[in-house]
Amino acid sequence: MPKKKNINLLPKEEFDASVVGRLLRWAMGTFRIIVIITEMIVMAAFLSRFWLDAQNSDLNDEIRFASSQIDSQKDFEISFRNLQKKIAIYQELGKDKKRSEVITKVADKIPTDISLSSISVADTQVQLRGVSGSELSIAQFVSNLKAENTFKTVDLGQISSSENNELLTIFSITITL
């Protein structure tokens, strides 16, 4: 029986001996390492996703908790800011002695059934707007203001009936200082 010979078309010795062969073997080894490193990076990114999702969930819970605390304090904050505005207005009025004295003098002359809706104090003029249950009270208020020596003139401006309640009379008074 004849002896079988194995024929290797790429003999190892000649493949390793040539420059092209060594370059190809090096390239194949390097690419394998690059592929392995890339797979490791992808797996690390995939696994870190769970940690990042847990952190994101914790942060969302903290935001919801802080938001609910802020919402629960909203009414207090609004009333606190309104009170601060009123205090600032009061302090501003308190600085100007002349204005505060004028307001005090006007307040002392108001009959019981008159309520003022606005007081505007300028340097030489005071504008009053109010509501009264009777015209007699308005006349009494005007005469009380005219009796004050510090006011130069007291003029009764508009008098009209309230649209909402016909029993109420709306009036405006201008006082010159």
C-alpha atoms as a PDB file:
ATOM      1  CA  MET A   1       0.000   0.000   0.000  1.00  0.00           C
ATOM      2  CA  PRO A   2       1.356   3.289  -0.926  1.00  0.00           C
ATOM      3  CA  LYS A   3       2.048   5.726   1.821  1.00  0.00           C
ATOM      4  CA  LYS A   4      -0.232   8.759   2.105  1.00  0.00           C
ATOM      5  CA  LYS A   5       1.369  12.108   2.310  1.00  0.00           C
ATOM      6  CA  ASN A   6      -0.242  15.105   3.940  1.00  0.00           C
ATOM      7  CA  ILE A   7       0.124  18.178   1.936  1.00  0.00           C
ATOM      8  CA  ASN A   8       0.054  21.449   3.819  1.00  0.00           C
ATOM      9  CA  LEU A   9      -0.344  24.380   1.472  1.00  0.00           C
ATOM     10  CA  LEU A  10       0.667  26.864   4.137  1.00  0.00           C
ATOM     11  CA  PRO A  11       3.613  25.415   5.867  1.00  0.00           C
ATOM     12  CA  LYS A  12       4.237  26.883   9.302  1.00  0.00           C
ATOM     13  CA  GLU A  13       7.863  27.463   8.828  1.00  0.00           C
ATOM     14  CA  GLU A  14       7.530  29.408   5.641  1.00  0.00           C
ATOM     15  CA  PHE A  15       4.476  31.409   6.877  1.00  0.00           C
ATOM     16  CA  ASP A  16       6.283  32.508  10.032  1.00  0.00           C
ATOM     17  CA  ALA A  17       9.427  33.169   8.109  1.00  0.00           C
ATOM     18  CA  SER A  18       7.959  35.693   5.699  1.00  0.00           C
ATOM     19  CA  VAL A  19       7.269  39.344   6.643  1.00  0.00           C
ATOM     20  CA  VAL A  20       3.696  39.169   5.395  1.00  0.00           C
ATOM     21  CA  GLY A  21       3.042  36.081   7.490  1.00  0.00           C
ATOM     22  CA  ARG A  22       4.376  37.627  10.662  1.00  0.00           C
ATOM     23  CA  LEU A  23       2.413  40.819   9.987  1.00  0.00           C
ATOM     24  CA  LEU A  24      -0.815  38.857   9.480  1.00  0.00           C
ATOM     25  CA  ARG A  25      -0.258  36.802  12.661  1.00  0.00           C
ATOM     26  CA  TRP A  26       0.402  40.016  14.657  1.00  0.00           C
ATOM     27  CA  ALA A  27      -2.668  41.730  13.172  1.00  0.00           C
ATOM     28  CA  MET A  28      -4.910  38.768  14.007  1.00  0.00           C
ATOM     29  CA  GLY A  29      -3.678  38.708  17.610  1.00  0.00           C
ATOM     30  CA  THR A  30      -4.064  42.466  17.999  1.00  0.00           C
ATOM     31  CA  PHE A  31      -7.582  42.471  16.602  1.00  0.00           C
ATOM     32  CA  ARG A  32      -8.556  39.689  18.991  1.00  0.00           C
ATOM     33  CA  ILE A  33      -7.305  41.790  21.902  1.00  0.00           C
ATOM     34  CA  ILE A  34      -9.175  44.852  20.592  1.00  0.00           C
ATOM     35  CA  VAL A  35     -12.385  42.835  20.293  1.00  0.00           C
ATOM     36  CA  ILE A  36     -11.996  41.456  23.833  1.00  0.00           C
ATOM     37  CA  ILE A  37     -11.359  44.944  25.277  1.00  0.00           C
ATOM     38  CA  THR A  38     -14.356  46.338  23.379  1.00  0.00           C
ATOM     39  CA  GLU A  39     -16.583  43.568  24.732  1.00  0.00           C
ATOM     40  CA  MET A  40     -15.353  44.290  28.266  1.00  0.00           C
ATOM     41  CA  ILE A  41     -16.176  48.009  27.846  1.00  0.00           C
ATOM     42  CA  VAL A  42     -19.649  47.191  26.528  1.00  0.00           C
ATOM     43  CA  MET A  43     -20.325  44.810  29.432  1.00  0.00           C
ATOM     44  CA  ALA A  44     -19.116  47.419  31.952  1.00  0.00           C
ATOM     45  CA  ALA A  45     -21.413  50.027  30.395  1.00  0.00           C
ATOM     46  CA  PHE A  46     -24.320  47.576  30.476  1.00  0.00           C
ATOM     47  CA  LEU A  47     -23.709  46.704  34.131  1.00  0.00           C
ATOM     48  CA  SER A  48     -23.201  50.351  35.147  1.00  0.00           C
ATOM     49  CA  ARG A  49     -26.626  51.098  33.692  1.00  0.00           C
ATOM     50  CA  PHE A  50     -28.261  49.387  36.677  1.00  0.00           C
ATOM     51  CA  TRP A  51     -26.271  51.529  39.119  1.00  0.00           C
ATOM     52  CA  LEU A  52     -27.115  54.705  37.175  1.00  0.00           C
ATOM     53  CA  ASP A  53     -30.818  53.765  37.049  1.00  0.00           C
ATOM     54  CA  ALA A  54     -30.826  53.272  40.829  1.00  0.00           C
ATOM     55  CA  GLN A  55     -29.181  56.690  41.337  1.00  0.00           C
ATOM     56  CA  ASN A  56     -31.673  58.302  38.933  1.00  0.00           C
ATOM     57  CA  SER A  57     -34.581  56.752  40.826  1.00  0.00           C
ATOM     58  CA  ASP A  58     -33.182  57.971  44.179  1.00  0.00           C
ATOM     59  CA  LEU A  59     -32.744  61.497  42.809  1.00  0.00           C
ATOM     60  CA  ASN A  60     -36.293  61.518  41.431  1.00  0.00           C
ATOM     61  CA  ASP A  61     -37.597  60.449  44.864  1.00  0.00           C
ATOM     62  CA  GLU A  62     -35.621  63.249  46.538  1.00  0.00           C
ATOM     63  CA  ILE A  63     -36.985  65.783  44.036  1.00  0.00           C
ATOM     64  CA  ARG A  64     -40.564  64.631  44.664  1.00  0.00           C
ATOM     65  CA  PHE A  65     -40.030  64.837  48.434  1.00  0.00           C
ATOM     66  CA  ALA A  66     -38.498  68.329  48.233  1.00  0.00           C
ATOM     67  CA  SER A  67     -41.250  69.459  45.860  1.00  0.00           C
ATOM     68  CA  SER A  68     -43.966  68.277  48.247  1.00  0.00           C
ATOM     69  CA  GLN A  69     -42.252  70.127  51.114  1.00  0.00           C
ATOM     70  CA  ILE A  70     -42.143  73.312  49.041  1.00  0.00           C
ATOM     71  CA  ASP A  71     -45.808  72.917  48.090  1.00  0.00           C
ATOM     72  CA  SER A  72     -46.797  72.429  51.721  1.00  0.00           C
ATOM     73  CA  GLN A  73     -45.049  75.688  52.689  1.00  0.00           C
ATOM     74  CA  LYS A  74     -46.499  77.677  49.766  1.00  0.00           C
ATOM     75  CA  ASP A  75     -49.401  79.263  51.679  1.00  0.00           C
ATOM     76  CA  PHE A  76     -47.134  80.275  54.542  1.00  0.00           C
ATOM     77  CA  GLU A  77     -44.623  81.770  52.103  1.00  0.00           C
ATOM     78  CA  ILE A  78     -47.331  83.809  50.358  1.00  0.00           C
ATOM     79  CA  SER A  79     -48.728  85.165  53.626  1.00  0.00           C
ATOM     80  CA  PHE A  80     -45.193  85.861  54.891  1.00  0.00           C
ATOM     81  CA  ARG A  81     -44.303  87.832  51.749  1.00  0.00           C
ATOM     82  CA  ASN A  82     -47.569  89.793  51.951  1.00  0.00           C
ATOM     83  CA  LEU A  83     -46.835  90.609  55.569  1.00  0.00           C
ATOM     84  CA  GLN A  84     -43.323  91.755  54.613  1.00  0.00           C
ATOM     85  CA  LYS A  85     -44.807  94.051  51.959  1.00  0.00           C
ATOM     86  CA  LYS A  86     -47.223  95.529  54.500  1.00  0.00           C
ATOM     87  CA  ILE A  87     -44.409  96.069  56.993  1.00  0.00           C
ATOM     88  CA  ALA A  88     -42.318  97.763  54.305  1.00  0.00           C
ATOM     89  CA  ILE A  89     -45.230 100.073  53.438  1.00  0.00           C
ATOM     90  CA  TYR A  90     -45.791 100.839  57.115  1.00  0.00           C
ATOM     91  CA  GLN A  91     -42.097 101.595  57.623  1.00  0.00           C
ATOM     92  CA  GLU A  92     -42.079 103.843  54.560  1.00  0.00           C
ATOM     93  CA  LEU A  93     -45.112 105.719  55.846  1.00  0.00           C
ATOM     94  CA  GLY A  94     -43.583 105.925  59.314  1.00  0.00           C
ATOM     95  CA  LYS A  95     -40.471 107.619  57.909  1.00  0.00           C
ATOM     96  CA  ASP A  96     -42.495 110.491  56.555  1.00  0.00           C
ATOM     97  CA  LYS A  97     -43.910 112.121  59.677  1.00  0.00           C
ATOM     98  CA  LYS A  98     -46.083 114.534  57.739  1.00  0.00           C
ATOM     99  CA  ARG A  99     -47.910 111.745  55.911  1.00  0.00           C
ATOM    100  CA  SER A 100     -48.418 109.691  59.028  1.00  0.00           C
ATOM    101  CA  GLU A 101     -49.759 112.728  60.868  1.00  0.00           C
ATOM    102  CA  VAL A 102     -52.179 113.451  58.015  1.00  0.00           C
ATOM    103  CA  ILE A 103     -53.401 109.859  57.982  1.00  0.00           C
ATOM    104  CA  THR A 104     -53.834 109.931  61.762  1.00  0.00           C
ATOM    105  CA  LYS A 105     -55.830 113.179  61.583  1.00  0.00           C
ATOM    106  CA  VAL A 106     -58.066 111.777  58.845  1.00  0.00           C
ATOM    107  CA  ALA A 107     -58.568 108.518  60.748  1.00  0.00           C
ATOM    108  CA  ASP A 108     -59.598 110.429  63.881  1.00  0.00           C
ATOM    109  CA  LYS A 109     -62.364 112.240  61.962  1.00  0.00           C
ATOM    110  CA  ILE A 110     -64.026 109.156  60.373  1.00  0.00           C
ATOM    111  CA  PRO A 111     -67.587 108.424  61.601  1.00  0.00           C
ATOM    112  CA  THR A 112     -68.387 104.846  62.580  1.00  0.00           C
ATOM    113  CA  ASP A 113     -70.489 103.888  59.551  1.00  0.00           C
ATOM    114  CA  ILE A 114     -67.913 105.021  56.949  1.00  0.00           C
ATOM    115  CA  SER A 115     -65.226 102.711  55.669  1.00  0.00           C
ATOM    116  CA  LEU A 116     -62.418 104.011  53.483  1.00  0.00           C
ATOM    117  CA  SER A 117     -61.403 101.893  50.517  1.00  0.00           C
ATOM    118  CA  SER A 118     -58.277 103.897  49.630  1.00  0.00           C
ATOM    119  CA  ILE A 119     -56.125 106.731  50.904  1.00  0.00           C
ATOM    120  CA  SER A 120     -53.621 108.378  48.607  1.00  0.00           C
ATOM    121  CA  VAL A 121     -51.245 110.871  50.223  1.00  0.00           C
ATOM    122  CA  ALA A 122     -49.112 113.095  47.999  1.00  0.00           C
ATOM    123  CA  ASP A 123     -46.994 116.099  48.985  1.00  0.00           C
ATOM    124  CA  THR A 124     -49.804 118.660  48.823  1.00  0.00           C
ATOM    125  CA  GLN A 125     -52.929 116.567  48.372  1.00  0.00           C
ATOM    126  CA  VAL A 126     -54.789 113.678  49.997  1.00  0.00           C
ATOM    127  CA  GLN A 127     -57.298 111.622  48.008  1.00  0.00           C
ATOM    128  CA  LEU A 128     -59.885 109.567  49.961  1.00  0.00           C
ATOM    129  CA  ARG A 129     -62.347 107.032  48.568  1.00  0.00           C
ATOM    130  CA  GLY A 130     -64.893 105.305  50.725  1.00  0.00           C
ATOM    131  CA  VAL A 131     -68.318 103.780  51.265  1.00  0.00           C
ATOM    132  CA  SER A 132     -71.021 104.909  53.655  1.00  0.00           C
ATOM    133  CA  GLY A 133     -74.444 103.741  54.691  1.00  0.00           C
ATOM    134  CA  SER A 134     -75.891 107.257  54.745  1.00  0.00           C
ATOM    135  CA  GLU A 135     -75.261 110.632  53.146  1.00  0.00           C
ATOM    136  CA  LEU A 136     -75.541 112.271  56.560  1.00  0.00           C
ATOM    137  CA  SER A 137     -72.386 110.415  57.680  1.00  0.00           C
ATOM    138  CA  ILE A 138     -70.543 111.672  54.595  1.00  0.00           C
ATOM    139  CA  ALA A 139     -71.616 115.250  55.389  1.00  0.00           C
ATOM    140  CA  GLN A 140     -70.484 114.789  58.992  1.00  0.00           C
ATOM    141  CA  PHE A 141     -67.114 113.439  57.783  1.00  0.00           C
ATOM    142  CA  VAL A 142     -66.601 116.416  55.461  1.00  0.00           C
ATOM    143  CA  SER A 143     -67.463 118.895  58.229  1.00  0.00           C
ATOM    144  CA  ASN A 144     -65.095 117.099  60.618  1.00  0.00           C
ATOM    145  CA  LEU A 145     -62.305 117.388  58.049  1.00  0.00           C
ATOM    146  CA  LYS A 146     -63.062 121.077  57.398  1.00  0.00           C
ATOM    147  CA  ALA A 147     -62.829 121.744  61.128  1.00  0.00           C
ATOM    148  CA  GLU A 148     -59.193 120.586  61.075  1.00  0.00           C
ATOM    149  CA  ASN A 149     -56.934 123.671  60.851  1.00  0.00           C
ATOM    150  CA  THR A 150     -54.046 121.934  59.009  1.00  0.00           C
ATOM    151  CA  PHE A 151     -56.165 121.236  55.916  1.00  0.00           C
ATOM    152  CA  LYS A 152     -56.452 124.172  53.478  1.00  0.00           C
ATOM    153  CA  THR A 153     -59.418 122.865  51.491  1.00  0.00           C
ATOM    154  CA  VAL A 154     -61.688 119.855  51.723  1.00  0.00           C
ATOM    155  CA  ASP A 155     -63.640 119.111  48.537  1.00  0.00           C
ATOM    156  CA  LEU A 156     -66.291 116.450  48.198  1.00  0.00           C
ATOM    157  CA  GLY A 157     -65.836 114.915  44.756  1.00  0.00           C
ATOM    158  CA  GLN A 158     -68.065 112.148  43.457  1.00  0.00           C
ATOM    159  CA  ILE A 159     -71.052 110.700  45.221  1.00  0.00           C
ATOM    160  CA  SER A 160     -72.786 107.706  43.673  1.00  0.00           C
ATOM    161  CA  SER A 161     -74.824 104.677  44.650  1.00  0.00           C
ATOM    162  CA  SER A 162     -73.118 101.318  44.738  1.00  0.00           C
ATOM    163  CA  GLU A 163     -74.007  99.004  41.876  1.00  0.00           C
ATOM    164  CA  ASN A 164     -73.962  95.959  44.154  1.00  0.00           C
ATOM    165  CA  ASN A 165     -75.901  97.433  47.063  1.00  0.00           C
ATOM    166  CA  GLU A 166     -78.222 100.421  46.592  1.00  0.00           C
ATOM    167  CA  LEU A 167     -78.133 101.206  50.323  1.00  0.00           C
ATOM    168  CA  LEU A 168     -74.425 102.081  50.146  1.00  0.00           C
ATOM    169  CA  THR A 169     -73.080 105.392  48.860  1.00  0.00           C
ATOM    170  CA  ILE A 170     -69.625 105.639  47.289  1.00  0.00           C
ATOM    171  CA  PHE A 171     -67.784 108.936  47.669  1.00  0.00           C
ATOM    172  CA  SER A 172     -64.415 110.589  47.088  1.00  0.00           C
ATOM    173  CA  ILE A 173     -62.871 113.510  48.965  1.00  0.00           C
ATOM    174  CA  THR A 174     -59.863 115.616  48.000  1.00  0.00           C
ATOM    175  CA  ILE A 175     -57.946 117.421  50.752  1.00  0.00           C
ATOM    176  CA  THR A 176     -55.364 120.092  49.970  1.00  0.00           C
ATOM    177  CA  LEU A 177     -52.602 120.452  52.555  1.00  0.00           C
END
